[in-house]
Amino acid sequence: MMRKTLEKAHSDPESMKARILKVARQIFGDYGYHGTTTRMIAKEVGIDISTLHYHWGGKKDLYEAVVTDINEEIMREFIDVERIIHGMPFEEHIDVASSILIDFFYEHIEIPRMLLHRSVNKTRFETNCELDLYKFTRNIAISMKLVPKEAPDDPNVLMEVLALINTMITFIAGDNFLRDLLHLGRAEYVTMVKKTTKFMITTAFTQKYRPLP
């Protein structure tokens, strides 16, 4: 049922379903699951609560739809990045990939904010639908050629990649606070995020690992 509803939302970006989904992503990103109410979302869209429930059901249903949508969007982005960086030398590969991902996360800033909320806060309901940080982490490790696709997971490598992802997420999700702290404009701050991320990757990975052929 949720799959069909998502397909309908994507097939018509101007539809009510699509408008609600877009706003829900932003508000869940800003306030997390427990800090968000369907009334907040409905008010932002400019509709009554019954219209929201008609299109998406309750808050849990809408949250799971948002999570599914984000997981699929990130996987499409990874596929696009892989296509772009295929065949590049390792350091150029890392520089280009990290820059593209940072731009992507800035364009969809609700994603790093939701990941940050989910990593530090409990969610008081059972769901099989989660932001798939494990899959994101493993895909980055494979993309960086630190582990082969068919190999068992190496917790040490995944932890190191996860440290990089968490740093990137924190830089982007905390954009407003950190820019004020550093007295930087938006463009200058984004440039610094890319520069610092590249420095971390180069220091941590190009010196420690010999990338797989």
N, C-alpha and C. Protein backbone atom coordinates (compact mmCIF):
# COMPACT_ATOMS: atom_id res chain seq x y z
N MET A 1 0.84 -1.21 0.00
CA MET A 1 0.00 0.00 0.00
C MET A 1 0.87 1.25 0.00
N MET A 2 1.88 1.29 0.90
CA MET A 2 2.76 2.45 0.96
C MET A 2 3.53 2.62 -0.35
N ARG A 3 3.96 1.50 -0.94
CA ARG A 3 4.70 1.55 -2.20
C ARG A 3 3.86 2.23 -3.30
N LYS A 4 2.59 1.86 -3.39
CA LYS A 4 1.71 2.47 -4.40
C LYS A 4 1.51 3.95 -4.13
N THR A 5 1.39 4.31 -2.85
CA THR A 5 1.20 5.71 -2.51
C THR A 5 2.44 6.53 -2.85
N LEU A 6 3.62 5.99 -2.59
CA LEU A 6 4.86 6.67 -2.96
C LEU A 6 4.96 6.84 -4.47
N GLU A 7 4.60 5.80 -5.20
CA GLU A 7 4.65 5.87 -6.67
C GLU A 7 3.72 6.97 -7.18
N LYS A 8 2.53 7.07 -6.59
CA LYS A 8 1.59 8.12 -6.99
C LYS A 8 2.16 9.51 -6.69
N ALA A 9 2.81 9.64 -5.53
CA ALA A 9 3.39 10.93 -5.16
C ALA A 9 4.49 11.33 -6.14
N HIS A 10 5.32 10.37 -6.54
CA HIS A 10 6.43 10.68 -7.45
C HIS A 10 5.94 10.91 -8.88
N SER A 11 4.84 10.29 -9.24
CA SER A 11 4.33 10.45 -10.61
C SER A 11 3.73 11.83 -10.84
N ASP A 12 3.35 12.51 -9.76
CA ASP A 12 2.76 13.85 -9.87
C ASP A 12 3.29 14.73 -8.74
N PRO A 13 4.43 15.41 -8.97
CA PRO A 13 5.06 16.22 -7.91
C PRO A 13 4.19 17.36 -7.39
N GLU A 14 3.16 17.74 -8.14
CA GLU A 14 2.28 18.82 -7.70
C GLU A 14 1.05 18.31 -6.94
N SER A 15 0.94 16.98 -6.82
CA SER A 15 -0.22 16.39 -6.16
C SER A 15 -0.18 16.65 -4.66
N MET A 16 -1.31 16.46 -4.00
CA MET A 16 -1.38 16.63 -2.56
C MET A 16 -0.48 15.63 -1.85
N LYS A 17 -0.45 14.39 -2.36
CA LYS A 17 0.41 13.37 -1.75
C LYS A 17 1.88 13.81 -1.78
N ALA A 18 2.31 14.34 -2.92
CA ALA A 18 3.70 14.78 -3.06
C ALA A 18 4.00 15.98 -2.17
N ARG A 19 3.06 16.91 -2.09
CA ARG A 19 3.26 18.09 -1.25
C ARG A 19 3.39 17.70 0.22
N ILE A 20 2.54 16.78 0.67
CA ILE A 20 2.61 16.33 2.07
C ILE A 20 3.92 15.62 2.33
N LEU A 21 4.33 14.75 1.41
CA LEU A 21 5.58 14.00 1.57
C LEU A 21 6.77 14.93 1.68
N LYS A 22 6.83 15.94 0.84
CA LYS A 22 7.94 16.89 0.85
C LYS A 22 8.01 17.64 2.18
N VAL A 23 6.88 18.13 2.65
CA VAL A 23 6.86 18.85 3.92
C VAL A 23 7.18 17.92 5.08
N ALA A 24 6.67 16.68 5.05
CA ALA A 24 6.94 15.72 6.12
C ALA A 24 8.43 15.44 6.23
N ARG A 25 9.11 15.31 5.11
CA ARG A 25 10.56 15.10 5.14
C ARG A 25 11.26 16.24 5.85
N GLN A 26 10.87 17.47 5.54
CA GLN A 26 11.51 18.63 6.15
C GLN A 26 11.25 18.69 7.66
N ILE A 27 10.02 18.44 8.06
CA ILE A 27 9.68 18.58 9.48
C ILE A 27 10.22 17.42 10.30
N PHE A 28 10.17 16.20 9.78
CA PHE A 28 10.81 15.09 10.49
C PHE A 28 12.32 15.34 10.61
N GLY A 29 12.93 15.96 9.60
CA GLY A 29 14.34 16.30 9.67
C GLY A 29 14.62 17.34 10.74
N ASP A 30 13.75 18.33 10.86
CA ASP A 30 13.96 19.40 11.84
C ASP A 30 13.70 18.96 13.28
N TYR A 31 12.66 18.14 13.48
CA TYR A 31 12.21 17.86 14.85
C TYR A 31 12.29 16.38 15.25
N GLY A 32 12.66 15.51 14.32
CA GLY A 32 12.69 14.09 14.66
C GLY A 32 11.28 13.52 14.72
N TYR A 33 11.20 12.21 14.94
CA TYR A 33 9.88 11.56 14.95
C TYR A 33 9.01 12.07 16.09
N HIS A 34 9.55 12.07 17.31
CA HIS A 34 8.74 12.41 18.48
C HIS A 34 8.47 13.91 18.60
N GLY A 35 9.30 14.74 17.97
CA GLY A 35 9.06 16.17 18.01
C GLY A 35 8.11 16.66 16.93
N THR A 36 7.70 15.74 16.07
CA THR A 36 6.82 16.09 14.95
C THR A 36 5.40 15.60 15.21
N THR A 37 4.42 16.38 14.83
CA THR A 37 3.03 15.94 14.86
C THR A 37 2.45 16.07 13.45
N THR A 38 1.41 15.28 13.19
CA THR A 38 0.76 15.42 11.88
C THR A 38 0.10 16.78 11.75
N ARG A 39 -0.30 17.38 12.86
CA ARG A 39 -0.89 18.73 12.79
C ARG A 39 0.14 19.75 12.32
N MET A 40 1.40 19.60 12.76
CA MET A 40 2.46 20.49 12.30
C MET A 40 2.63 20.38 10.78
N ILE A 41 2.61 19.15 10.29
CA ILE A 41 2.79 18.92 8.85
C ILE A 41 1.60 19.48 8.09
N ALA A 42 0.38 19.18 8.56
CA ALA A 42 -0.82 19.66 7.89
C ALA A 42 -0.85 21.19 7.84
N LYS A 43 -0.47 21.82 8.94
CA LYS A 43 -0.47 23.29 8.99
C LYS A 43 0.51 23.87 7.98
N GLU A 44 1.69 23.27 7.88
CA GLU A 44 2.70 23.75 6.94
C GLU A 44 2.24 23.58 5.49
N VAL A 45 1.55 22.48 5.21
CA VAL A 45 1.05 22.24 3.86
C VAL A 45 -0.14 23.16 3.56
N GLY A 46 -0.88 23.54 4.62
CA GLY A 46 -2.07 24.37 4.46
C GLY A 46 -3.32 23.56 4.24
N ILE A 47 -3.39 22.41 4.93
CA ILE A 47 -4.55 21.53 4.81
C ILE A 47 -5.03 21.17 6.20
N ASP A 48 -6.22 20.55 6.29
CA ASP A 48 -6.66 20.08 7.60
C ASP A 48 -6.14 18.67 7.84
N ILE A 49 -6.17 18.26 9.10
CA ILE A 49 -5.57 16.99 9.50
C ILE A 49 -6.23 15.80 8.82
N SER A 50 -7.53 15.88 8.56
CA SER A 50 -8.22 14.76 7.93
C SER A 50 -7.73 14.52 6.50
N THR A 51 -7.34 15.60 5.81
CA THR A 51 -6.82 15.45 4.45
C THR A 51 -5.48 14.73 4.47
N LEU A 52 -4.63 15.07 5.45
CA LEU A 52 -3.34 14.38 5.59
C LEU A 52 -3.57 12.89 5.85
N HIS A 53 -4.46 12.57 6.78
CA HIS A 53 -4.72 11.17 7.10
C HIS A 53 -5.31 10.42 5.91
N TYR A 54 -6.10 11.10 5.12
CA TYR A 54 -6.69 10.47 3.94
C TYR A 54 -5.59 10.03 2.96
N HIS A 55 -4.57 10.87 2.79
CA HIS A 55 -3.52 10.58 1.80
C HIS A 55 -2.43 9.67 2.33
N TRP A 56 -2.10 9.78 3.63
CA TRP A 56 -0.94 9.05 4.14
C TRP A 56 -1.20 8.24 5.41
N GLY A 57 -2.35 8.28 5.99
CA GLY A 57 -2.59 7.57 7.24
C GLY A 57 -2.07 8.35 8.43
N GLY A 58 -1.64 7.64 9.48
CA GLY A 58 -1.15 8.28 10.69
C GLY A 58 0.31 8.68 10.61
N LYS A 59 0.83 9.21 11.71
CA LYS A 59 2.22 9.70 11.73
C LYS A 59 3.21 8.57 11.45
N LYS A 60 2.99 7.41 12.05
CA LYS A 60 3.90 6.28 11.84
C LYS A 60 3.93 5.88 10.37
N ASP A 61 2.78 5.85 9.71
CA ASP A 61 2.72 5.50 8.29
C ASP A 61 3.49 6.51 7.45
N LEU A 62 3.29 7.78 7.78
CA LEU A 62 3.95 8.84 7.01
C LEU A 62 5.46 8.81 7.25
N TYR A 63 5.87 8.58 8.49
CA TYR A 63 7.30 8.50 8.80
C TYR A 63 7.95 7.34 8.04
N GLU A 64 7.30 6.19 8.01
CA GLU A 64 7.85 5.04 7.29
C GLU A 64 7.92 5.32 5.80
N ALA A 65 6.95 6.04 5.26
CA ALA A 65 7.00 6.42 3.85
C ALA A 65 8.19 7.35 3.59
N VAL A 66 8.42 8.30 4.48
CA VAL A 66 9.55 9.22 4.35
C VAL A 66 10.87 8.46 4.39
N VAL A 67 11.00 7.52 5.33
CA VAL A 67 12.23 6.74 5.47
C VAL A 67 12.47 5.90 4.21
N THR A 68 11.44 5.24 3.72
CA THR A 68 11.56 4.44 2.50
C THR A 68 11.99 5.32 1.33
N ASP A 69 11.37 6.47 1.21
CA ASP A 69 11.69 7.41 0.14
C ASP A 69 13.15 7.84 0.20
N ILE A 70 13.62 8.15 1.41
CA ILE A 70 15.00 8.60 1.58
C ILE A 70 15.98 7.47 1.28
N ASN A 71 15.73 6.28 1.79
CA ASN A 71 16.62 5.14 1.52
C ASN A 71 16.79 4.93 0.01
N GLU A 72 15.68 4.97 -0.71
CA GLU A 72 15.73 4.72 -2.15
C GLU A 72 16.43 5.87 -2.87
N GLU A 73 16.23 7.09 -2.41
CA GLU A 73 16.88 8.23 -3.04
C GLU A 73 18.40 8.19 -2.84
N ILE A 74 18.84 7.81 -1.66
CA ILE A 74 20.28 7.71 -1.40
C ILE A 74 20.90 6.62 -2.26
N MET A 75 20.22 5.49 -2.40
CA MET A 75 20.76 4.40 -3.22
C MET A 75 20.88 4.84 -4.68
N ARG A 76 19.90 5.58 -5.18
CA ARG A 76 20.01 6.10 -6.56
C ARG A 76 21.19 7.04 -6.69
N GLU A 77 21.42 7.84 -5.65
CA GLU A 77 22.55 8.77 -5.68
C GLU A 77 23.88 8.01 -5.69
N PHE A 78 23.99 6.94 -4.90
CA PHE A 78 25.21 6.13 -4.90
C PHE A 78 25.47 5.54 -6.29
N ILE A 79 24.43 5.07 -6.94
CA ILE A 79 24.59 4.50 -8.28
C ILE A 79 25.10 5.57 -9.25
N ASP A 80 24.54 6.78 -9.16
CA ASP A 80 24.99 7.88 -10.03
C ASP A 80 26.45 8.24 -9.75
N VAL A 81 26.81 8.29 -8.46
CA VAL A 81 28.19 8.62 -8.09
C VAL A 81 29.15 7.56 -8.62
N GLU A 82 28.78 6.29 -8.48
CA GLU A 82 29.63 5.21 -8.97
C GLU A 82 29.86 5.34 -10.47
N ARG A 83 28.83 5.74 -11.19
CA ARG A 83 28.94 5.88 -12.64
C ARG A 83 29.92 7.01 -12.98
N ILE A 84 29.89 8.08 -12.21
CA ILE A 84 30.74 9.24 -12.47
C ILE A 84 32.20 8.95 -12.15
N ILE A 85 32.47 8.27 -11.03
CA ILE A 85 33.85 8.11 -10.57
C ILE A 85 34.51 6.85 -11.10
N HIS A 86 33.79 6.02 -11.82
CA HIS A 86 34.36 4.76 -12.31
C HIS A 86 35.62 5.02 -13.13
N GLY A 87 36.70 4.34 -12.75
CA GLY A 87 37.95 4.43 -13.48
C GLY A 87 38.86 5.56 -13.06
N MET A 88 38.42 6.42 -12.15
CA MET A 88 39.28 7.51 -11.68
C MET A 88 40.36 7.00 -10.76
N PRO A 89 41.52 7.68 -10.70
CA PRO A 89 42.52 7.35 -9.67
C PRO A 89 41.91 7.53 -8.28
N PHE A 90 42.47 6.82 -7.29
CA PHE A 90 41.86 6.75 -5.97
C PHE A 90 41.62 8.13 -5.35
N GLU A 91 42.64 8.98 -5.32
CA GLU A 91 42.47 10.28 -4.64
C GLU A 91 41.46 11.16 -5.37
N GLU A 92 41.47 11.13 -6.71
CA GLU A 92 40.48 11.91 -7.46
C GLU A 92 39.08 11.33 -7.24
N HIS A 93 39.01 10.01 -7.23
CA HIS A 93 37.76 9.27 -6.96
C HIS A 93 37.14 9.76 -5.65
N ILE A 94 37.96 9.81 -4.58
CA ILE A 94 37.50 10.21 -3.26
C ILE A 94 37.09 11.68 -3.24
N ASP A 95 37.88 12.53 -3.87
CA ASP A 95 37.60 13.97 -3.89
C ASP A 95 36.27 14.24 -4.59
N VAL A 96 36.07 13.64 -5.76
CA VAL A 96 34.84 13.88 -6.53
C VAL A 96 33.64 13.29 -5.81
N ALA A 97 33.77 12.04 -5.32
CA ALA A 97 32.64 11.38 -4.66
C ALA A 97 32.19 12.13 -3.42
N SER A 98 33.13 12.55 -2.59
CA SER A 98 32.76 13.25 -1.35
C SER A 98 32.12 14.59 -1.66
N SER A 99 32.62 15.29 -2.67
CA SER A 99 32.04 16.58 -3.05
C SER A 99 30.60 16.42 -3.54
N ILE A 100 30.36 15.39 -4.36
CA ILE A 100 29.01 15.14 -4.88
C ILE A 100 28.06 14.80 -3.73
N LEU A 101 28.52 13.94 -2.80
CA LEU A 101 27.65 13.54 -1.69
C LEU A 101 27.34 14.71 -0.76
N ILE A 102 28.32 15.56 -0.52
CA ILE A 102 28.08 16.73 0.33
C ILE A 102 27.05 17.65 -0.33
N ASP A 103 27.19 17.88 -1.64
CA ASP A 103 26.20 18.70 -2.35
C ASP A 103 24.81 18.06 -2.27
N PHE A 104 24.76 16.74 -2.43
CA PHE A 104 23.48 16.02 -2.36
C PHE A 104 22.85 16.18 -0.98
N PHE A 105 23.63 15.99 0.08
CA PHE A 105 23.09 16.11 1.43
C PHE A 105 22.67 17.55 1.75
N TYR A 106 23.36 18.52 1.18
CA TYR A 106 22.93 19.91 1.37
C TYR A 106 21.63 20.19 0.64
N GLU A 107 21.49 19.62 -0.55
CA GLU A 107 20.26 19.81 -1.31
C GLU A 107 19.08 19.15 -0.60
N HIS A 108 19.36 18.08 0.14
CA HIS A 108 18.32 17.35 0.88
C HIS A 108 18.74 17.31 2.35
N ILE A 109 18.83 18.49 2.96
CA ILE A 109 19.43 18.60 4.30
C ILE A 109 18.63 17.86 5.36
N GLU A 110 17.36 17.53 5.06
CA GLU A 110 16.57 16.75 6.00
C GLU A 110 17.15 15.35 6.20
N ILE A 111 17.91 14.84 5.21
CA ILE A 111 18.46 13.49 5.33
C ILE A 111 19.52 13.42 6.43
N PRO A 112 20.59 14.25 6.39
CA PRO A 112 21.54 14.19 7.51
C PRO A 112 20.90 14.52 8.85
N ARG A 113 19.91 15.42 8.85
CA ARG A 113 19.26 15.76 10.12
C ARG A 113 18.47 14.57 10.66
N MET A 114 17.78 13.84 9.79
CA MET A 114 17.05 12.65 10.24
C MET A 114 18.01 11.57 10.71
N LEU A 115 19.12 11.39 9.99
CA LEU A 115 20.12 10.41 10.42
C LEU A 115 20.68 10.75 11.80
N LEU A 116 20.91 12.04 12.02
CA LEU A 116 21.44 12.46 13.32
C LEU A 116 20.40 12.24 14.42
N HIS A 117 19.15 12.63 14.17
CA HIS A 117 18.08 12.39 15.14
C HIS A 117 17.99 10.90 15.48
N ARG A 118 18.02 10.08 14.44
CA ARG A 118 17.80 8.64 14.64
C ARG A 118 18.96 7.99 15.38
N SER A 119 20.17 8.53 15.20
CA SER A 119 21.34 7.91 15.83
C SER A 119 21.44 8.23 17.32
N VAL A 120 20.81 9.33 17.76
CA VAL A 120 20.95 9.73 19.16
C VAL A 120 19.66 9.63 19.96
N ASN A 121 18.53 9.46 19.29
CA ASN A 121 17.25 9.41 19.99
C ASN A 121 16.55 8.08 19.82
N LYS A 122 15.85 7.65 20.85
CA LYS A 122 15.05 6.43 20.77
C LYS A 122 13.74 6.73 20.06
N THR A 123 13.22 5.71 19.37
CA THR A 123 11.91 5.82 18.75
C THR A 123 10.99 4.82 19.43
N ARG A 124 9.94 5.32 20.05
CA ARG A 124 9.08 4.47 20.87
C ARG A 124 7.99 3.80 20.04
N PHE A 125 8.40 3.15 18.97
CA PHE A 125 7.46 2.30 18.24
C PHE A 125 8.28 1.29 17.44
N GLU A 126 7.68 0.16 17.17
CA GLU A 126 8.37 -0.89 16.43
C GLU A 126 8.13 -0.70 14.94
N THR A 127 9.21 -0.79 14.17
CA THR A 127 9.10 -0.67 12.73
C THR A 127 10.22 -1.44 12.07
N ASN A 128 9.95 -1.99 10.92
CA ASN A 128 10.98 -2.65 10.13
C ASN A 128 11.59 -1.68 9.12
N CYS A 129 11.12 -0.45 9.15
CA CYS A 129 11.53 0.56 8.17
C CYS A 129 12.46 1.55 8.85
N GLU A 130 13.75 1.46 8.61
CA GLU A 130 14.73 2.33 9.24
C GLU A 130 15.61 2.97 8.17
N LEU A 131 16.15 4.14 8.49
CA LEU A 131 17.19 4.71 7.65
C LEU A 131 18.37 3.75 7.65
N ASP A 132 18.76 3.30 6.48
CA ASP A 132 19.70 2.18 6.38
C ASP A 132 21.14 2.66 6.41
N LEU A 133 21.58 3.11 7.57
CA LEU A 133 22.93 3.64 7.72
C LEU A 133 23.97 2.55 7.49
N TYR A 134 23.64 1.30 7.88
CA TYR A 134 24.58 0.20 7.64
C TYR A 134 24.85 0.02 6.15
N LYS A 135 23.79 0.02 5.35
CA LYS A 135 23.96 -0.17 3.90
C LYS A 135 24.72 1.01 3.29
N PHE A 136 24.42 2.23 3.77
CA PHE A 136 25.13 3.40 3.26
C PHE A 136 26.63 3.27 3.55
N THR A 137 26.92 2.86 4.80
CA THR A 137 28.32 2.74 5.22
C THR A 137 29.05 1.70 4.40
N ARG A 138 28.44 0.54 4.21
CA ARG A 138 29.08 -0.54 3.45
C ARG A 138 29.27 -0.14 1.99
N ASN A 139 28.28 0.54 1.42
CA ASN A 139 28.41 0.97 0.02
C ASN A 139 29.56 1.95 -0.15
N ILE A 140 29.76 2.83 0.82
CA ILE A 140 30.87 3.78 0.74
C ILE A 140 32.20 3.04 0.86
N ALA A 141 32.27 2.07 1.76
CA ALA A 141 33.50 1.28 1.90
C ALA A 141 33.83 0.53 0.61
N ILE A 142 32.80 -0.01 -0.04
CA ILE A 142 33.00 -0.70 -1.32
C ILE A 142 33.41 0.30 -2.40
N SER A 143 32.72 1.45 -2.43
CA SER A 143 33.04 2.47 -3.42
C SER A 143 34.48 2.96 -3.29
N MET A 144 34.94 3.08 -2.04
CA MET A 144 36.31 3.51 -1.79
C MET A 144 37.32 2.40 -2.02
N LYS A 145 36.79 1.20 -2.37
CA LYS A 145 37.61 0.02 -2.63
C LYS A 145 38.44 -0.38 -1.41
N LEU A 146 37.83 -0.21 -0.24
CA LEU A 146 38.47 -0.65 0.99
C LEU A 146 38.11 -2.10 1.29
N VAL A 147 36.95 -2.53 0.78
CA VAL A 147 36.52 -3.93 0.92
C VAL A 147 35.89 -4.36 -0.40
N PRO A 148 36.08 -5.62 -0.80
CA PRO A 148 35.40 -6.11 -2.01
C PRO A 148 33.94 -6.40 -1.73
N LYS A 149 33.11 -6.36 -2.76
CA LYS A 149 31.67 -6.57 -2.60
C LYS A 149 31.35 -7.90 -1.96
N GLU A 150 32.09 -8.94 -2.34
CA GLU A 150 31.73 -10.29 -1.91
C GLU A 150 32.36 -10.68 -0.57
N ALA A 151 33.20 -9.81 0.02
CA ALA A 151 33.90 -10.16 1.25
C ALA A 151 33.01 -9.98 2.47
N PRO A 152 33.26 -10.76 3.53
CA PRO A 152 32.55 -10.51 4.80
C PRO A 152 32.87 -9.10 5.29
N ASP A 153 31.95 -8.52 6.01
CA ASP A 153 32.17 -7.17 6.51
C ASP A 153 33.31 -7.14 7.51
N ASP A 154 34.14 -6.11 7.41
CA ASP A 154 35.22 -5.88 8.36
C ASP A 154 34.76 -4.77 9.30
N PRO A 155 34.46 -5.09 10.58
CA PRO A 155 33.95 -4.07 11.51
C PRO A 155 34.90 -2.89 11.67
N ASN A 156 36.21 -3.13 11.57
CA ASN A 156 37.17 -2.05 11.72
C ASN A 156 37.05 -1.03 10.59
N VAL A 157 36.94 -1.54 9.36
CA VAL A 157 36.79 -0.65 8.21
C VAL A 157 35.46 0.09 8.29
N LEU A 158 34.38 -0.64 8.61
CA LEU A 158 33.06 -0.02 8.68
C LEU A 158 33.01 1.06 9.76
N MET A 159 33.66 0.81 10.89
CA MET A 159 33.69 1.82 11.96
C MET A 159 34.42 3.08 11.50
N GLU A 160 35.52 2.91 10.77
CA GLU A 160 36.27 4.06 10.30
C GLU A 160 35.47 4.86 9.26
N VAL A 161 34.80 4.14 8.36
CA VAL A 161 33.95 4.83 7.38
C VAL A 161 32.78 5.51 8.08
N LEU A 162 32.23 4.83 9.08
CA LEU A 162 31.11 5.40 9.84
C LEU A 162 31.53 6.69 10.55
N ALA A 163 32.76 6.72 11.05
CA ALA A 163 33.26 7.95 11.68
C ALA A 163 33.29 9.10 10.68
N LEU A 164 33.67 8.80 9.45
CA LEU A 164 33.69 9.81 8.40
C LEU A 164 32.27 10.29 8.08
N ILE A 165 31.32 9.33 7.94
CA ILE A 165 29.94 9.68 7.63
C ILE A 165 29.35 10.54 8.74
N ASN A 166 29.58 10.14 9.99
CA ASN A 166 29.03 10.89 11.12
C ASN A 166 29.57 12.31 11.17
N THR A 167 30.83 12.47 10.83
CA THR A 167 31.42 13.81 10.80
C THR A 167 30.75 14.65 9.72
N MET A 168 30.58 14.08 8.53
CA MET A 168 29.94 14.78 7.42
C MET A 168 28.50 15.16 7.79
N ILE A 169 27.79 14.20 8.38
CA ILE A 169 26.40 14.44 8.78
C ILE A 169 26.32 15.58 9.80
N THR A 170 27.23 15.55 10.78
CA THR A 170 27.22 16.58 11.82
C THR A 170 27.52 17.96 11.24
N PHE A 171 28.51 18.04 10.35
CA PHE A 171 28.83 19.31 9.70
C PHE A 171 27.61 19.88 8.98
N ILE A 172 26.89 19.03 8.27
CA ILE A 172 25.79 19.51 7.42
C ILE A 172 24.52 19.73 8.25
N ALA A 173 24.18 18.75 9.10
CA ALA A 173 22.97 18.87 9.91
C ALA A 173 23.06 20.06 10.87
N GLY A 174 24.26 20.34 11.36
CA GLY A 174 24.46 21.45 12.29
C GLY A 174 24.87 22.73 11.61
N ASP A 175 24.55 22.86 10.34
CA ASP A 175 24.98 23.98 9.51
C ASP A 175 24.76 25.34 10.17
N ASN A 176 23.54 25.62 10.61
CA ASN A 176 23.24 26.95 11.16
C ASN A 176 24.07 27.26 12.39
N PHE A 177 24.12 26.31 13.33
CA PHE A 177 24.87 26.52 14.56
C PHE A 177 26.36 26.67 14.29
N LEU A 178 26.92 25.78 13.45
CA LEU A 178 28.36 25.78 13.22
C LEU A 178 28.81 26.98 12.39
N ARG A 179 27.98 27.41 11.44
CA ARG A 179 28.33 28.61 10.66
C ARG A 179 28.42 29.83 11.56
N ASP A 180 27.45 29.95 12.48
CA ASP A 180 27.49 31.08 13.42
C ASP A 180 28.71 30.99 14.32
N LEU A 181 29.02 29.78 14.76
CA LEU A 181 30.17 29.56 15.64
C LEU A 181 31.47 29.99 14.96
N LEU A 182 31.59 29.70 13.67
CA LEU A 182 32.82 29.99 12.92
C LEU A 182 32.77 31.33 12.19
N HIS A 183 31.62 32.01 12.28
CA HIS A 183 31.44 33.31 11.63
C HIS A 183 31.69 33.20 10.11
N LEU A 184 31.06 32.20 9.50
CA LEU A 184 31.22 31.96 8.07
C LEU A 184 29.89 32.12 7.35
N GLY A 185 29.96 32.60 6.11
CA GLY A 185 28.78 32.61 5.25
C GLY A 185 28.52 31.20 4.74
N ARG A 186 27.35 31.00 4.13
CA ARG A 186 26.96 29.66 3.69
C ARG A 186 27.94 29.07 2.67
N ALA A 187 28.25 29.82 1.63
CA ALA A 187 29.13 29.31 0.57
C ALA A 187 30.52 28.98 1.13
N GLU A 188 31.04 29.86 1.97
CA GLU A 188 32.37 29.64 2.56
C GLU A 188 32.35 28.41 3.46
N TYR A 189 31.27 28.24 4.21
CA TYR A 189 31.16 27.09 5.11
C TYR A 189 31.11 25.79 4.31
N VAL A 190 30.32 25.74 3.24
CA VAL A 190 30.24 24.53 2.42
C VAL A 190 31.61 24.18 1.85
N THR A 191 32.34 25.18 1.40
CA THR A 191 33.70 24.96 0.89
C THR A 191 34.58 24.36 1.98
N MET A 192 34.45 24.87 3.21
CA MET A 192 35.25 24.36 4.32
C MET A 192 34.86 22.93 4.68
N VAL A 193 33.57 22.61 4.60
CA VAL A 193 33.13 21.24 4.86
C VAL A 193 33.78 20.28 3.86
N LYS A 194 33.78 20.66 2.59
CA LYS A 194 34.38 19.81 1.56
C LYS A 194 35.89 19.68 1.78
N LYS A 195 36.53 20.79 2.09
CA LYS A 195 37.98 20.78 2.31
C LYS A 195 38.35 19.91 3.51
N THR A 196 37.59 20.05 4.60
CA THR A 196 37.88 19.29 5.81
C THR A 196 37.59 17.80 5.61
N THR A 197 36.50 17.49 4.92
CA THR A 197 36.18 16.09 4.63
C THR A 197 37.27 15.46 3.78
N LYS A 198 37.71 16.18 2.75
CA LYS A 198 38.79 15.67 1.91
C LYS A 198 40.06 15.43 2.71
N PHE A 199 40.39 16.38 3.61
CA PHE A 199 41.57 16.22 4.47
C PHE A 199 41.47 14.96 5.33
N MET A 200 40.28 14.75 5.92
CA MET A 200 40.09 13.57 6.77
C MET A 200 40.23 12.28 5.97
N ILE A 201 39.63 12.25 4.79
CA ILE A 201 39.70 11.04 3.97
C ILE A 201 41.14 10.77 3.56
N THR A 202 41.81 11.81 3.08
CA THR A 202 43.20 11.64 2.63
C THR A 202 44.08 11.16 3.77
N THR A 203 43.93 11.78 4.93
CA THR A 203 44.75 11.42 6.09
C THR A 203 44.44 10.01 6.58
N ALA A 204 43.15 9.71 6.71
CA ALA A 204 42.75 8.45 7.33
C ALA A 204 42.86 7.26 6.41
N PHE A 205 42.58 7.45 5.11
CA PHE A 205 42.44 6.30 4.24
C PHE A 205 43.54 6.14 3.21
N THR A 206 43.97 7.23 2.56
CA THR A 206 44.98 7.04 1.51
C THR A 206 46.33 6.66 2.10
N GLN A 207 46.57 7.00 3.36
CA GLN A 207 47.84 6.64 3.99
C GLN A 207 47.77 5.26 4.66
N LYS A 208 46.60 4.90 5.19
CA LYS A 208 46.49 3.63 5.91
C LYS A 208 46.25 2.46 4.98
N TYR A 209 45.39 2.66 3.97
CA TYR A 209 44.96 1.57 3.13
C TYR A 209 45.60 1.63 1.75
N ARG A 210 45.86 0.46 1.22
CA ARG A 210 46.19 0.37 -0.21
C ARG A 210 44.91 -0.08 -0.90
N PRO A 211 44.23 0.80 -1.61
CA PRO A 211 42.94 0.44 -2.19
C PRO A 211 43.01 -0.81 -3.05
N LEU A 212 41.95 -1.56 -3.07
CA LEU A 212 41.88 -2.77 -3.86
C LEU A 212 41.93 -2.41 -5.35
N PRO A 213 42.53 -3.26 -6.19
CA PRO A 213 42.57 -2.95 -7.63
C PRO A 213 41.19 -3.01 -8.24
